[in-house]
N, C-alpha and C. Protein backbone atom coordinates (compact mmCIF):
# COMPACT_ATOMS: atom_id res chain seq x y z
N MET A 1 0.82 -1.21 0.00
CA MET A 1 0.00 0.00 0.00
C MET A 1 0.86 1.27 0.00
N LYS A 2 2.03 1.21 0.58
CA LYS A 2 2.87 2.39 0.65
C LYS A 2 3.31 2.88 -0.73
N LYS A 3 3.57 1.95 -1.67
CA LYS A 3 3.97 2.36 -3.02
C LYS A 3 2.86 3.14 -3.72
N ALA A 4 1.61 2.76 -3.49
CA ALA A 4 0.49 3.47 -4.12
C ALA A 4 0.42 4.90 -3.62
N VAL A 5 0.65 5.10 -2.34
CA VAL A 5 0.64 6.46 -1.79
C VAL A 5 1.79 7.25 -2.37
N SER A 6 2.97 6.65 -2.47
CA SER A 6 4.13 7.33 -3.03
C SER A 6 3.89 7.70 -4.49
N GLY A 7 3.30 6.80 -5.24
CA GLY A 7 3.00 7.09 -6.63
C GLY A 7 1.97 8.20 -6.77
N LEU A 8 0.99 8.20 -5.90
CA LEU A 8 -0.03 9.25 -5.93
C LEU A 8 0.59 10.60 -5.57
N ARG A 9 1.47 10.60 -4.59
CA ARG A 9 2.14 11.84 -4.18
C ARG A 9 2.97 12.41 -5.33
N ALA A 10 3.72 11.54 -6.00
CA ALA A 10 4.53 12.00 -7.14
C ALA A 10 3.64 12.52 -8.25
N TRP A 11 2.52 11.86 -8.49
CA TRP A 11 1.59 12.30 -9.52
C TRP A 11 1.02 13.67 -9.18
N MET A 12 0.66 13.87 -7.90
CA MET A 12 0.11 15.16 -7.47
C MET A 12 1.16 16.28 -7.58
N VAL A 13 2.38 15.98 -7.19
CA VAL A 13 3.46 16.97 -7.29
C VAL A 13 3.67 17.34 -8.75
N GLN A 14 3.68 16.35 -9.63
CA GLN A 14 3.88 16.60 -11.06
C GLN A 14 2.77 17.51 -11.61
N ARG A 15 1.53 17.26 -11.22
CA ARG A 15 0.41 18.06 -11.72
C ARG A 15 0.41 19.46 -11.14
N PHE A 16 0.68 19.59 -9.84
CA PHE A 16 0.70 20.91 -9.22
C PHE A 16 1.81 21.77 -9.82
N THR A 17 3.00 21.21 -9.95
CA THR A 17 4.10 21.99 -10.51
C THR A 17 3.82 22.38 -11.96
N ALA A 18 3.21 21.46 -12.72
CA ALA A 18 2.88 21.77 -14.12
C ALA A 18 1.89 22.93 -14.19
N LEU A 19 0.92 22.97 -13.29
CA LEU A 19 -0.04 24.07 -13.30
C LEU A 19 0.63 25.41 -12.98
N TYR A 20 1.52 25.42 -11.99
CA TYR A 20 2.21 26.67 -11.67
C TYR A 20 3.12 27.10 -12.82
N LEU A 21 3.85 26.16 -13.41
CA LEU A 21 4.73 26.49 -14.52
C LEU A 21 3.94 27.09 -15.68
N LEU A 22 2.78 26.51 -15.97
CA LEU A 22 1.92 27.04 -17.03
C LEU A 22 1.41 28.43 -16.68
N ALA A 23 0.95 28.60 -15.45
CA ALA A 23 0.42 29.90 -15.03
C ALA A 23 1.50 30.99 -15.09
N PHE A 24 2.71 30.67 -14.63
CA PHE A 24 3.80 31.65 -14.67
C PHE A 24 4.18 31.99 -16.11
N PHE A 25 4.23 30.96 -16.95
CA PHE A 25 4.55 31.18 -18.36
C PHE A 25 3.51 32.07 -19.02
N LEU A 26 2.23 31.79 -18.79
CA LEU A 26 1.16 32.60 -19.39
C LEU A 26 1.19 34.03 -18.84
N PHE A 27 1.42 34.17 -17.54
CA PHE A 27 1.52 35.50 -16.94
C PHE A 27 2.64 36.30 -17.59
N SER A 28 3.80 35.68 -17.73
CA SER A 28 4.94 36.37 -18.35
C SER A 28 4.66 36.70 -19.81
N LEU A 29 4.09 35.76 -20.52
CA LEU A 29 3.77 35.97 -21.93
C LEU A 29 2.78 37.12 -22.11
N LEU A 30 1.73 37.13 -21.30
CA LEU A 30 0.74 38.21 -21.39
C LEU A 30 1.33 39.55 -20.98
N HIS A 31 2.16 39.53 -19.94
CA HIS A 31 2.79 40.79 -19.52
C HIS A 31 3.63 41.38 -20.64
N PHE A 32 4.45 40.55 -21.27
CA PHE A 32 5.32 41.06 -22.32
C PHE A 32 4.57 41.33 -23.62
N ALA A 33 3.43 40.71 -23.80
CA ALA A 33 2.62 40.98 -25.00
C ALA A 33 1.93 42.34 -24.88
N PHE A 34 1.45 42.66 -23.67
CA PHE A 34 0.68 43.91 -23.49
C PHE A 34 1.51 45.06 -22.94
N ALA A 35 2.63 44.77 -22.32
CA ALA A 35 3.49 45.83 -21.78
C ALA A 35 4.95 45.47 -22.01
N PRO A 36 5.37 45.43 -23.26
CA PRO A 36 6.76 45.06 -23.52
C PRO A 36 7.71 46.14 -22.98
N PRO A 37 8.83 45.71 -22.42
CA PRO A 37 9.78 46.70 -21.91
C PRO A 37 10.42 47.47 -23.05
N ASP A 38 10.62 48.75 -22.83
CA ASP A 38 11.22 49.58 -23.87
C ASP A 38 12.72 49.72 -23.71
N SER A 39 13.24 49.19 -22.59
CA SER A 39 14.69 49.24 -22.36
C SER A 39 15.07 48.13 -21.39
N TYR A 40 16.36 47.93 -21.30
CA TYR A 40 16.86 46.93 -20.35
C TYR A 40 16.49 47.35 -18.93
N GLN A 41 16.58 48.64 -18.65
CA GLN A 41 16.29 49.12 -17.30
C GLN A 41 14.84 48.87 -16.91
N SER A 42 13.91 49.06 -17.83
CA SER A 42 12.50 48.81 -17.49
C SER A 42 12.25 47.31 -17.30
N TRP A 43 12.93 46.48 -18.10
CA TRP A 43 12.81 45.04 -17.91
C TRP A 43 13.38 44.63 -16.56
N ARG A 44 14.55 45.17 -16.21
CA ARG A 44 15.20 44.84 -14.94
C ARG A 44 14.35 45.31 -13.76
N THR A 45 13.74 46.48 -13.88
CA THR A 45 12.87 46.99 -12.81
C THR A 45 11.70 46.04 -12.59
N TRP A 46 11.11 45.55 -13.67
CA TRP A 46 9.99 44.61 -13.54
C TRP A 46 10.44 43.29 -12.92
N VAL A 47 11.56 42.76 -13.40
CA VAL A 47 12.04 41.46 -12.92
C VAL A 47 12.46 41.52 -11.46
N THR A 48 13.01 42.65 -11.02
CA THR A 48 13.49 42.74 -9.64
C THR A 48 12.42 43.22 -8.66
N ALA A 49 11.21 43.44 -9.14
CA ALA A 49 10.13 43.74 -8.21
C ALA A 49 9.94 42.52 -7.29
N PRO A 50 9.74 42.75 -6.00
CA PRO A 50 9.68 41.61 -5.06
C PRO A 50 8.69 40.52 -5.45
N ALA A 51 7.52 40.87 -5.90
CA ALA A 51 6.53 39.84 -6.26
C ALA A 51 7.00 39.01 -7.45
N VAL A 52 7.54 39.67 -8.46
CA VAL A 52 8.01 38.95 -9.66
C VAL A 52 9.25 38.13 -9.32
N LEU A 53 10.13 38.68 -8.51
CA LEU A 53 11.34 37.94 -8.13
C LEU A 53 10.98 36.69 -7.33
N ASN A 54 10.05 36.80 -6.40
CA ASN A 54 9.61 35.64 -5.63
C ASN A 54 8.90 34.62 -6.52
N ALA A 55 8.06 35.11 -7.44
CA ALA A 55 7.36 34.20 -8.36
C ALA A 55 8.36 33.49 -9.27
N THR A 56 9.40 34.19 -9.69
CA THR A 56 10.43 33.58 -10.53
C THR A 56 11.24 32.55 -9.75
N ALA A 57 11.57 32.87 -8.49
CA ALA A 57 12.29 31.91 -7.65
C ALA A 57 11.45 30.65 -7.46
N LEU A 58 10.16 30.83 -7.19
CA LEU A 58 9.27 29.68 -7.03
C LEU A 58 9.17 28.90 -8.34
N PHE A 59 9.15 29.62 -9.46
CA PHE A 59 9.12 28.97 -10.77
C PHE A 59 10.31 28.01 -10.93
N PHE A 60 11.51 28.49 -10.61
CA PHE A 60 12.69 27.65 -10.78
C PHE A 60 12.70 26.48 -9.80
N ILE A 61 12.26 26.70 -8.57
CA ILE A 61 12.18 25.61 -7.60
C ILE A 61 11.23 24.53 -8.10
N LEU A 62 10.05 24.97 -8.54
CA LEU A 62 9.06 24.00 -9.01
C LEU A 62 9.46 23.35 -10.33
N LEU A 63 10.18 24.09 -11.17
CA LEU A 63 10.68 23.51 -12.42
C LEU A 63 11.65 22.36 -12.11
N LEU A 64 12.55 22.59 -11.16
CA LEU A 64 13.51 21.54 -10.80
C LEU A 64 12.81 20.36 -10.13
N LEU A 65 11.82 20.64 -9.30
CA LEU A 65 11.05 19.57 -8.67
C LEU A 65 10.29 18.77 -9.73
N HIS A 66 9.69 19.47 -10.68
CA HIS A 66 8.97 18.82 -11.78
C HIS A 66 9.91 17.92 -12.58
N ALA A 67 11.09 18.43 -12.88
CA ALA A 67 12.08 17.65 -13.62
C ALA A 67 12.52 16.43 -12.81
N TRP A 68 12.74 16.61 -11.51
CA TRP A 68 13.16 15.50 -10.67
C TRP A 68 12.12 14.37 -10.68
N VAL A 69 10.87 14.72 -10.46
CA VAL A 69 9.82 13.70 -10.40
C VAL A 69 9.70 12.98 -11.74
N GLY A 70 9.69 13.72 -12.82
CA GLY A 70 9.55 13.09 -14.13
C GLY A 70 10.73 12.21 -14.50
N LEU A 71 11.93 12.72 -14.33
CA LEU A 71 13.12 11.95 -14.70
C LEU A 71 13.38 10.79 -13.73
N ARG A 72 13.01 10.98 -12.47
CA ARG A 72 13.12 9.88 -11.50
C ARG A 72 12.21 8.73 -11.91
N ASP A 73 10.99 9.06 -12.31
CA ASP A 73 10.07 8.01 -12.74
C ASP A 73 10.59 7.29 -13.98
N VAL A 74 11.15 8.03 -14.91
CA VAL A 74 11.72 7.40 -16.11
C VAL A 74 12.89 6.49 -15.73
N ALA A 75 13.77 6.98 -14.87
CA ALA A 75 14.91 6.17 -14.44
C ALA A 75 14.46 4.92 -13.71
N MET A 76 13.46 5.05 -12.86
CA MET A 76 12.99 3.89 -12.10
C MET A 76 12.26 2.88 -13.00
N ASP A 77 11.63 3.36 -14.06
CA ASP A 77 10.93 2.47 -14.98
C ASP A 77 11.87 1.72 -15.92
N TYR A 78 12.93 2.39 -16.38
CA TYR A 78 13.75 1.81 -17.44
C TYR A 78 15.12 1.32 -17.00
N ALA A 79 15.62 1.78 -15.86
CA ALA A 79 16.91 1.29 -15.37
C ALA A 79 16.62 0.11 -14.44
N ARG A 80 16.81 -1.08 -14.95
CA ARG A 80 16.44 -2.29 -14.20
C ARG A 80 17.46 -2.64 -13.12
N SER A 81 18.74 -2.48 -13.40
CA SER A 81 19.73 -2.88 -12.39
C SER A 81 19.85 -1.78 -11.33
N LEU A 82 19.97 -2.20 -10.09
CA LEU A 82 20.04 -1.25 -8.99
C LEU A 82 21.26 -0.33 -9.07
N PRO A 83 22.47 -0.83 -9.38
CA PRO A 83 23.61 0.09 -9.48
C PRO A 83 23.42 1.16 -10.56
N LEU A 84 22.85 0.78 -11.70
CA LEU A 84 22.61 1.76 -12.76
C LEU A 84 21.58 2.79 -12.30
N ARG A 85 20.53 2.32 -11.67
CA ARG A 85 19.47 3.22 -11.20
C ARG A 85 20.03 4.21 -10.17
N VAL A 86 20.82 3.72 -9.23
CA VAL A 86 21.40 4.60 -8.20
C VAL A 86 22.33 5.61 -8.84
N THR A 87 23.12 5.18 -9.80
CA THR A 87 24.04 6.09 -10.50
C THR A 87 23.27 7.16 -11.26
N LEU A 88 22.23 6.75 -11.98
CA LEU A 88 21.42 7.71 -12.72
C LEU A 88 20.75 8.72 -11.79
N LEU A 89 20.18 8.24 -10.70
CA LEU A 89 19.49 9.14 -9.78
C LEU A 89 20.46 10.08 -9.07
N ALA A 90 21.64 9.57 -8.71
CA ALA A 90 22.64 10.43 -8.08
C ALA A 90 23.13 11.50 -9.05
N THR A 91 23.37 11.11 -10.29
CA THR A 91 23.80 12.07 -11.31
C THR A 91 22.72 13.11 -11.55
N LEU A 92 21.49 12.66 -11.65
CA LEU A 92 20.36 13.57 -11.83
C LEU A 92 20.26 14.55 -10.67
N ALA A 93 20.39 14.04 -9.45
CA ALA A 93 20.32 14.91 -8.27
C ALA A 93 21.43 15.96 -8.29
N LEU A 94 22.63 15.54 -8.66
CA LEU A 94 23.75 16.50 -8.73
C LEU A 94 23.52 17.56 -9.80
N VAL A 95 23.06 17.13 -10.97
CA VAL A 95 22.83 18.08 -12.06
C VAL A 95 21.72 19.07 -11.68
N LEU A 96 20.62 18.58 -11.13
CA LEU A 96 19.52 19.47 -10.76
C LEU A 96 19.92 20.39 -9.60
N THR A 97 20.72 19.89 -8.67
CA THR A 97 21.21 20.75 -7.59
C THR A 97 22.10 21.85 -8.15
N GLY A 98 22.97 21.49 -9.07
CA GLY A 98 23.83 22.49 -9.72
C GLY A 98 23.02 23.54 -10.46
N LEU A 99 22.01 23.10 -11.19
CA LEU A 99 21.15 24.05 -11.90
C LEU A 99 20.40 24.95 -10.92
N GLY A 100 19.96 24.38 -9.82
CA GLY A 100 19.27 25.18 -8.80
C GLY A 100 20.19 26.22 -8.19
N MET A 101 21.43 25.85 -7.92
CA MET A 101 22.38 26.82 -7.36
C MET A 101 22.71 27.90 -8.37
N TRP A 102 22.80 27.55 -9.64
CA TRP A 102 23.05 28.53 -10.70
C TRP A 102 21.88 29.52 -10.79
N ALA A 103 20.65 29.00 -10.76
CA ALA A 103 19.47 29.88 -10.83
C ALA A 103 19.41 30.77 -9.59
N LEU A 104 19.73 30.23 -8.43
CA LEU A 104 19.72 31.02 -7.19
C LEU A 104 20.76 32.14 -7.28
N GLN A 105 21.93 31.83 -7.80
CA GLN A 105 22.97 32.85 -7.94
C GLN A 105 22.49 33.98 -8.86
N ILE A 106 21.85 33.63 -9.95
CA ILE A 106 21.36 34.65 -10.88
C ILE A 106 20.27 35.49 -10.23
N LEU A 107 19.36 34.83 -9.50
CA LEU A 107 18.26 35.59 -8.87
C LEU A 107 18.77 36.50 -7.76
N LEU A 108 19.77 36.05 -7.03
CA LEU A 108 20.31 36.88 -5.95
C LEU A 108 21.12 38.06 -6.48
N SER A 109 21.67 37.92 -7.67
CA SER A 109 22.45 39.03 -8.22
C SER A 109 21.57 40.02 -8.98
N ALA A 110 20.29 39.71 -9.14
CA ALA A 110 19.39 40.60 -9.89
C ALA A 110 19.08 41.86 -9.12
């Protein structure tokens, strides 16, 4: 029974993150369609506004979580041997952690 709960949790995380990613993408698309920045400074002012900066940080966190859940499921489905699966998941965790630290560095320097 525990595997069913774990699978349901992963499914819910995947759906929730997908909804937020879509909403953020549409919000950004509509903002730039109706109020395109006329200079780098106006774009930077919009991006560094606290609400947009927090929404962008949440976007990257949820993007990495979405990628983790999806790629973890693929690795668990197709990597049959345990050593290969552990290696793939460890590599994936390192790559996603590195990407998360890179995104955090960019957001903090904005």
